[in-house]
C-alpha cells in the first residue's frame, strides 16, 4: 500500500458499489522491517534495498487512515512482536482498540489512524 494507486483502486471499488475490507498488518517501527528483510535474505529470500524500507513504511502508514475510511471495515493487526494480533478496527470512521495490554505497548496504530 506504499503507492497511491492502491487508494485509487479502493476509491473506484467504492464508487461502483463494492463492499471492501482492509486487513492491514503493521509494525511499530521500520527498523523491524529492516531486520526481517536481512533475515529473509540470509535464508535465500528476496532482498529490499535498506534505503527503501523506511520511506515505504512512511508512505504506507501515511495512507492507512485514508484507506481505512474508504473500506467498509478495516482490521488492523500488529506484527511487531512474535505472531500477529488484532489490535484495532476502523468502521465508519470510528476506531475501536482491542488487546489493551498489547496496544498499550504500541503506538503506531494510534499515530496513523487518527486524522492529522
N, C-alpha and C. Protein backbone atom coordinates (compact mmCIF):
# COMPACT_ATOMS: atom_id res chain seq x y z
N UNK A 1 0.82 -1.18 0.00
CA UNK A 1 0.00 0.00 0.00
C UNK A 1 0.88 1.25 0.00
N UNK A 2 2.10 1.10 -0.45
CA UNK A 2 3.01 2.24 -0.42
C UNK A 2 2.84 3.17 -1.62
N UNK A 3 1.93 2.84 -2.51
CA UNK A 3 1.72 3.68 -3.69
C UNK A 3 0.26 4.15 -3.70
N UNK A 4 0.05 5.37 -4.14
CA UNK A 4 -1.30 5.96 -4.13
C UNK A 4 -2.27 5.21 -5.03
N UNK A 5 -1.78 4.40 -5.95
CA UNK A 5 -2.69 3.64 -6.82
C UNK A 5 -3.58 2.70 -6.01
N UNK A 6 -3.13 2.28 -4.84
CA UNK A 6 -3.97 1.41 -4.00
C UNK A 6 -5.18 2.19 -3.46
N UNK A 7 -4.96 3.44 -3.12
CA UNK A 7 -6.07 4.30 -2.67
C UNK A 7 -7.04 4.51 -3.83
N UNK A 8 -6.51 4.77 -5.01
CA UNK A 8 -7.35 4.98 -6.18
C UNK A 8 -8.18 3.74 -6.49
N UNK A 9 -7.59 2.57 -6.32
CA UNK A 9 -8.29 1.31 -6.53
C UNK A 9 -9.48 1.19 -5.56
N UNK A 10 -9.24 1.50 -4.29
CA UNK A 10 -10.31 1.46 -3.30
C UNK A 10 -11.41 2.48 -3.62
N UNK A 11 -11.01 3.65 -4.09
CA UNK A 11 -12.00 4.68 -4.46
C UNK A 11 -12.89 4.20 -5.61
N UNK A 12 -12.26 3.57 -6.62
CA UNK A 12 -13.04 3.06 -7.75
C UNK A 12 -13.99 1.95 -7.30
N UNK A 13 -13.51 1.06 -6.45
CA UNK A 13 -14.35 -0.04 -5.96
C UNK A 13 -15.54 0.49 -5.18
N UNK A 14 -15.30 1.48 -4.35
CA UNK A 14 -16.39 2.08 -3.56
C UNK A 14 -17.40 2.77 -4.47
N UNK A 15 -16.89 3.47 -5.48
CA UNK A 15 -17.76 4.23 -6.39
C UNK A 15 -18.74 3.32 -7.12
N UNK A 16 -18.30 2.13 -7.48
CA UNK A 16 -19.19 1.22 -8.23
C UNK A 16 -19.96 0.28 -7.31
N UNK A 17 -19.82 0.46 -6.00
CA UNK A 17 -20.68 -0.26 -5.07
C UNK A 17 -20.13 -1.52 -4.44
N UNK A 18 -18.87 -1.81 -4.63
CA UNK A 18 -18.29 -2.99 -3.98
C UNK A 18 -18.17 -2.77 -2.48
N UNK A 19 -18.35 -3.84 -1.72
CA UNK A 19 -18.04 -3.83 -0.29
C UNK A 19 -16.57 -4.22 -0.19
N UNK A 20 -15.81 -3.44 0.52
CA UNK A 20 -14.37 -3.70 0.63
C UNK A 20 -13.95 -3.76 2.09
N UNK A 21 -12.94 -4.57 2.33
CA UNK A 21 -12.40 -4.75 3.67
C UNK A 21 -10.89 -4.67 3.59
N UNK A 22 -10.31 -4.08 4.59
CA UNK A 22 -8.86 -3.96 4.66
C UNK A 22 -8.36 -4.79 5.83
N UNK A 23 -7.44 -5.67 5.56
CA UNK A 23 -6.74 -6.43 6.60
C UNK A 23 -5.31 -5.94 6.55
N UNK A 24 -4.95 -5.12 7.50
CA UNK A 24 -3.65 -4.45 7.48
C UNK A 24 -2.78 -4.99 8.61
N UNK A 25 -1.58 -5.42 8.24
CA UNK A 25 -0.62 -5.90 9.23
C UNK A 25 0.54 -4.92 9.25
N UNK A 26 0.78 -4.31 10.40
CA UNK A 26 1.84 -3.32 10.52
C UNK A 26 2.75 -3.61 11.69
N UNK A 27 3.81 -2.84 11.75
CA UNK A 27 4.77 -2.95 12.85
C UNK A 27 5.03 -1.57 13.43
N UNK A 28 5.57 -1.55 14.62
CA UNK A 28 5.80 -0.31 15.36
C UNK A 28 6.79 0.61 14.66
N UNK A 29 7.80 0.03 14.02
CA UNK A 29 8.91 0.84 13.53
C UNK A 29 9.53 0.18 12.29
N UNK A 30 9.98 0.96 11.31
CA UNK A 30 10.58 0.36 10.11
C UNK A 30 11.86 -0.42 10.40
N UNK A 31 12.50 -0.18 11.53
CA UNK A 31 13.71 -0.96 11.85
C UNK A 31 13.37 -2.45 11.99
N UNK A 32 12.15 -2.75 12.38
CA UNK A 32 11.72 -4.15 12.46
C UNK A 32 11.69 -4.75 11.06
N UNK A 33 11.17 -4.00 10.11
CA UNK A 33 11.15 -4.47 8.72
C UNK A 33 12.56 -4.68 8.18
N UNK A 34 13.46 -3.76 8.49
CA UNK A 34 14.85 -3.89 8.03
C UNK A 34 15.47 -5.18 8.56
N UNK A 35 15.26 -5.44 9.83
CA UNK A 35 15.81 -6.65 10.44
C UNK A 35 15.22 -7.90 9.79
N UNK A 36 13.94 -7.89 9.52
CA UNK A 36 13.28 -9.06 8.93
C UNK A 36 13.69 -9.29 7.48
N UNK A 37 13.93 -8.22 6.75
CA UNK A 37 14.40 -8.37 5.37
C UNK A 37 15.79 -9.00 5.38
N UNK A 38 16.67 -8.54 6.26
CA UNK A 38 18.01 -9.14 6.36
C UNK A 38 17.92 -10.62 6.69
N UNK A 39 17.04 -10.96 7.61
CA UNK A 39 16.87 -12.36 7.99
C UNK A 39 16.34 -13.18 6.81
N UNK A 40 15.39 -12.64 6.09
CA UNK A 40 14.84 -13.33 4.92
C UNK A 40 15.92 -13.57 3.88
N UNK A 41 16.75 -12.55 3.64
CA UNK A 41 17.85 -12.69 2.68
C UNK A 41 18.82 -13.79 3.11
N UNK A 42 19.09 -13.83 4.40
CA UNK A 42 20.03 -14.82 4.92
C UNK A 42 19.56 -16.24 4.62
N UNK A 43 18.25 -16.43 4.53
CA UNK A 43 17.70 -17.74 4.25
C UNK A 43 17.33 -17.92 2.77
N UNK A 44 17.87 -17.05 1.91
CA UNK A 44 17.68 -17.20 0.48
C UNK A 44 16.50 -16.46 -0.11
N UNK A 45 15.79 -15.71 0.69
CA UNK A 45 14.65 -14.94 0.19
C UNK A 45 15.10 -13.67 -0.50
N UNK A 46 14.15 -12.96 -1.07
CA UNK A 46 14.49 -11.74 -1.81
C UNK A 46 14.78 -10.59 -0.85
N UNK A 47 15.64 -9.72 -1.30
CA UNK A 47 16.02 -8.56 -0.51
C UNK A 47 15.30 -7.31 -0.96
N UNK A 48 15.42 -6.30 -0.15
CA UNK A 48 14.92 -4.96 -0.47
C UNK A 48 16.03 -4.01 -0.05
N UNK A 49 16.45 -3.10 -0.93
CA UNK A 49 17.50 -2.16 -0.52
C UNK A 49 17.10 -1.45 0.77
N UNK A 50 18.01 -1.44 1.73
CA UNK A 50 17.70 -0.90 3.05
C UNK A 50 17.20 0.54 2.99
N UNK A 51 17.74 1.33 2.06
CA UNK A 51 17.33 2.73 1.98
C UNK A 51 15.89 2.91 1.49
N UNK A 52 15.28 1.84 0.96
CA UNK A 52 13.89 1.93 0.50
C UNK A 52 12.88 1.55 1.59
N UNK A 53 13.34 0.86 2.62
CA UNK A 53 12.40 0.31 3.60
C UNK A 53 11.70 1.40 4.40
N UNK A 54 12.44 2.31 4.99
CA UNK A 54 11.82 3.35 5.82
C UNK A 54 10.89 4.26 5.00
N UNK A 55 11.29 4.71 3.80
CA UNK A 55 10.36 5.54 3.02
C UNK A 55 9.07 4.79 2.64
N UNK A 56 9.19 3.50 2.31
CA UNK A 56 7.99 2.71 2.00
C UNK A 56 7.08 2.59 3.22
N UNK A 57 7.70 2.38 4.36
CA UNK A 57 6.94 2.29 5.61
C UNK A 57 6.16 3.59 5.82
N UNK A 58 6.83 4.72 5.68
CA UNK A 58 6.18 6.01 5.90
C UNK A 58 5.05 6.25 4.89
N UNK A 59 5.31 5.92 3.61
CA UNK A 59 4.26 6.10 2.60
C UNK A 59 3.05 5.23 2.90
N UNK A 60 3.31 3.99 3.26
CA UNK A 60 2.21 3.07 3.58
C UNK A 60 1.41 3.58 4.76
N UNK A 61 2.11 3.93 5.83
CA UNK A 61 1.42 4.38 7.03
C UNK A 61 0.67 5.69 6.80
N UNK A 62 1.21 6.54 5.94
CA UNK A 62 0.55 7.82 5.69
C UNK A 62 -0.76 7.64 4.93
N UNK A 63 -0.96 6.49 4.30
CA UNK A 63 -2.19 6.22 3.56
C UNK A 63 -3.17 5.34 4.34
N UNK A 64 -2.74 4.85 5.49
CA UNK A 64 -3.58 3.92 6.25
C UNK A 64 -4.91 4.54 6.68
N UNK A 65 -4.88 5.75 7.17
CA UNK A 65 -6.12 6.40 7.62
C UNK A 65 -7.09 6.56 6.46
N UNK A 66 -6.61 7.10 5.35
CA UNK A 66 -7.49 7.30 4.19
C UNK A 66 -8.06 5.98 3.70
N UNK A 67 -7.21 4.96 3.62
CA UNK A 67 -7.66 3.65 3.16
C UNK A 67 -8.72 3.09 4.11
N UNK A 68 -8.51 3.26 5.40
CA UNK A 68 -9.46 2.71 6.38
C UNK A 68 -10.82 3.41 6.32
N UNK A 69 -10.84 4.65 5.84
CA UNK A 69 -12.12 5.36 5.68
C UNK A 69 -12.83 4.96 4.39
N UNK A 70 -12.09 4.48 3.42
CA UNK A 70 -12.68 4.10 2.14
C UNK A 70 -13.34 2.73 2.17
N UNK A 71 -12.87 1.86 3.04
CA UNK A 71 -13.38 0.49 3.07
C UNK A 71 -14.56 0.39 4.04
N UNK A 72 -15.32 -0.68 3.89
CA UNK A 72 -16.45 -0.89 4.79
C UNK A 72 -15.98 -1.14 6.22
N UNK A 73 -14.86 -1.84 6.33
CA UNK A 73 -14.31 -2.11 7.66
C UNK A 73 -12.82 -2.42 7.48
N UNK A 74 -12.02 -1.90 8.40
CA UNK A 74 -10.58 -2.16 8.38
C UNK A 74 -10.19 -2.88 9.66
N UNK A 75 -9.47 -3.97 9.50
CA UNK A 75 -8.95 -4.74 10.63
C UNK A 75 -7.45 -4.48 10.68
N UNK A 76 -6.97 -4.05 11.82
CA UNK A 76 -5.58 -3.65 11.97
C UNK A 76 -4.88 -4.64 12.89
N UNK A 77 -3.85 -5.29 12.36
CA UNK A 77 -3.08 -6.27 13.12
C UNK A 77 -1.69 -5.73 13.37
N UNK A 78 -1.10 -6.12 14.48
CA UNK A 78 0.29 -5.77 14.76
C UNK A 78 1.13 -7.03 14.66
N UNK A 79 2.32 -6.88 14.08
CA UNK A 79 3.27 -7.97 13.94
C UNK A 79 4.65 -7.54 14.43
N UNK A 80 4.70 -6.63 15.40
CA UNK A 80 5.98 -6.13 15.92
C UNK A 80 6.69 -7.17 16.77
N UNK A 81 5.92 -7.99 17.44
CA UNK A 81 6.48 -8.98 18.36
C UNK A 81 6.39 -10.36 17.71
N UNK A 82 6.26 -11.38 18.49
CA UNK A 82 6.10 -12.73 17.95
C UNK A 82 4.63 -12.95 17.60
N UNK A 83 4.36 -13.30 16.37
CA UNK A 83 2.99 -13.51 15.94
C UNK A 83 2.33 -12.21 15.54
N UNK A 84 1.07 -12.31 15.17
CA UNK A 84 0.32 -11.10 14.83
C UNK A 84 -0.96 -11.09 15.65
N UNK A 85 -1.40 -9.89 15.99
CA UNK A 85 -2.53 -9.72 16.89
C UNK A 85 -3.45 -8.63 16.38
N UNK A 86 -4.74 -8.89 16.42
CA UNK A 86 -5.73 -7.87 16.09
C UNK A 86 -5.69 -6.82 17.19
N UNK A 87 -5.34 -5.60 16.82
CA UNK A 87 -5.25 -4.55 17.85
C UNK A 87 -6.27 -3.44 17.66
N UNK A 88 -6.85 -3.34 16.46
CA UNK A 88 -7.82 -2.26 16.25
C UNK A 88 -8.70 -2.58 15.05
N UNK A 89 -9.80 -1.86 15.02
CA UNK A 89 -10.74 -1.97 13.91
C UNK A 89 -11.28 -0.58 13.64
N UNK A 90 -11.42 -0.25 12.37
CA UNK A 90 -11.99 1.03 11.98
C UNK A 90 -13.27 0.74 11.20
N UNK A 91 -14.36 1.36 11.66
CA UNK A 91 -15.65 1.18 11.00
C UNK A 91 -16.39 2.51 11.05
N UNK A 92 -16.75 3.02 9.88
CA UNK A 92 -17.44 4.32 9.79
C UNK A 92 -16.67 5.43 10.50
N UNK A 93 -15.35 5.42 10.37
CA UNK A 93 -14.53 6.46 10.97
C UNK A 93 -14.31 6.31 12.46
N UNK A 94 -14.85 5.25 13.04
CA UNK A 94 -14.75 5.01 14.48
C UNK A 94 -13.67 3.96 14.75
N UNK A 95 -12.68 4.33 15.54
CA UNK A 95 -11.58 3.42 15.87
C UNK A 95 -11.90 2.69 17.17
N UNK A 96 -11.85 1.36 17.11
CA UNK A 96 -12.00 0.52 18.30
C UNK A 96 -10.67 -0.17 18.52
N UNK A 97 -10.11 -0.03 19.71
CA UNK A 97 -8.83 -0.64 20.03
C UNK A 97 -9.08 -1.90 20.84
N UNK A 98 -8.45 -3.00 20.42
CA UNK A 98 -8.55 -4.28 21.11
C UNK A 98 -7.21 -4.59 21.77
N UNK A 99 -7.20 -5.65 22.53
CA UNK A 99 -5.96 -6.15 23.13
C UNK A 99 -5.24 -5.02 23.86
N UNK A 100 -5.91 -4.47 24.86
CA UNK A 100 -5.43 -3.29 25.57
C UNK A 100 -4.01 -3.41 26.09
N UNK A 101 -3.64 -4.58 26.61
CA UNK A 101 -2.29 -4.71 27.17
C UNK A 101 -1.24 -4.59 26.07
N UNK A 102 -1.49 -5.18 24.91
CA UNK A 102 -0.55 -5.06 23.80
C UNK A 102 -0.61 -3.66 23.21
N UNK A 103 -1.80 -3.14 23.03
CA UNK A 103 -1.95 -1.80 22.45
C UNK A 103 -1.25 -0.75 23.29
N UNK A 104 -1.19 -0.97 24.60
CA UNK A 104 -0.52 -0.02 25.49
C UNK A 104 0.98 0.02 25.22
N UNK A 105 1.54 -1.08 24.72
CA UNK A 105 2.97 -1.15 24.41
C UNK A 105 3.29 -0.53 23.05
N UNK A 106 2.29 -0.36 22.23
CA UNK A 106 2.47 0.09 20.85
C UNK A 106 1.78 1.43 20.65
N UNK A 107 2.27 2.19 19.69
CA UNK A 107 1.61 3.47 19.42
C UNK A 107 1.36 3.71 17.94
N UNK A 108 1.89 2.87 17.06
CA UNK A 108 1.78 3.17 15.63
C UNK A 108 0.33 3.24 15.17
N UNK A 109 -0.52 2.35 15.67
CA UNK A 109 -1.91 2.35 15.19
C UNK A 109 -2.62 3.64 15.58
N UNK A 110 -2.27 4.22 16.71
CA UNK A 110 -2.88 5.49 17.11
C UNK A 110 -2.30 6.65 16.30
N UNK A 111 -0.99 6.60 16.05
CA UNK A 111 -0.34 7.67 15.26
C UNK A 111 -0.93 7.76 13.87
N UNK A 112 -1.20 6.62 13.26
CA UNK A 112 -1.58 6.63 11.85
C UNK A 112 -3.08 6.47 11.60
N UNK A 113 -3.86 6.19 12.63
CA UNK A 113 -5.29 6.03 12.42
C UNK A 113 -6.11 7.17 13.00
N UNK A 114 -5.47 8.28 13.20
CA UNK A 114 -6.19 9.49 13.58
C UNK A 114 -5.88 10.54 12.54
N UNK A 115 -6.84 11.35 12.25
CA UNK A 115 -6.64 12.38 11.23
C UNK A 115 -5.64 13.41 11.73
N UNK A 116 -4.64 13.70 10.90
CA UNK A 116 -3.64 14.69 11.30
C UNK A 116 -4.08 16.09 10.97
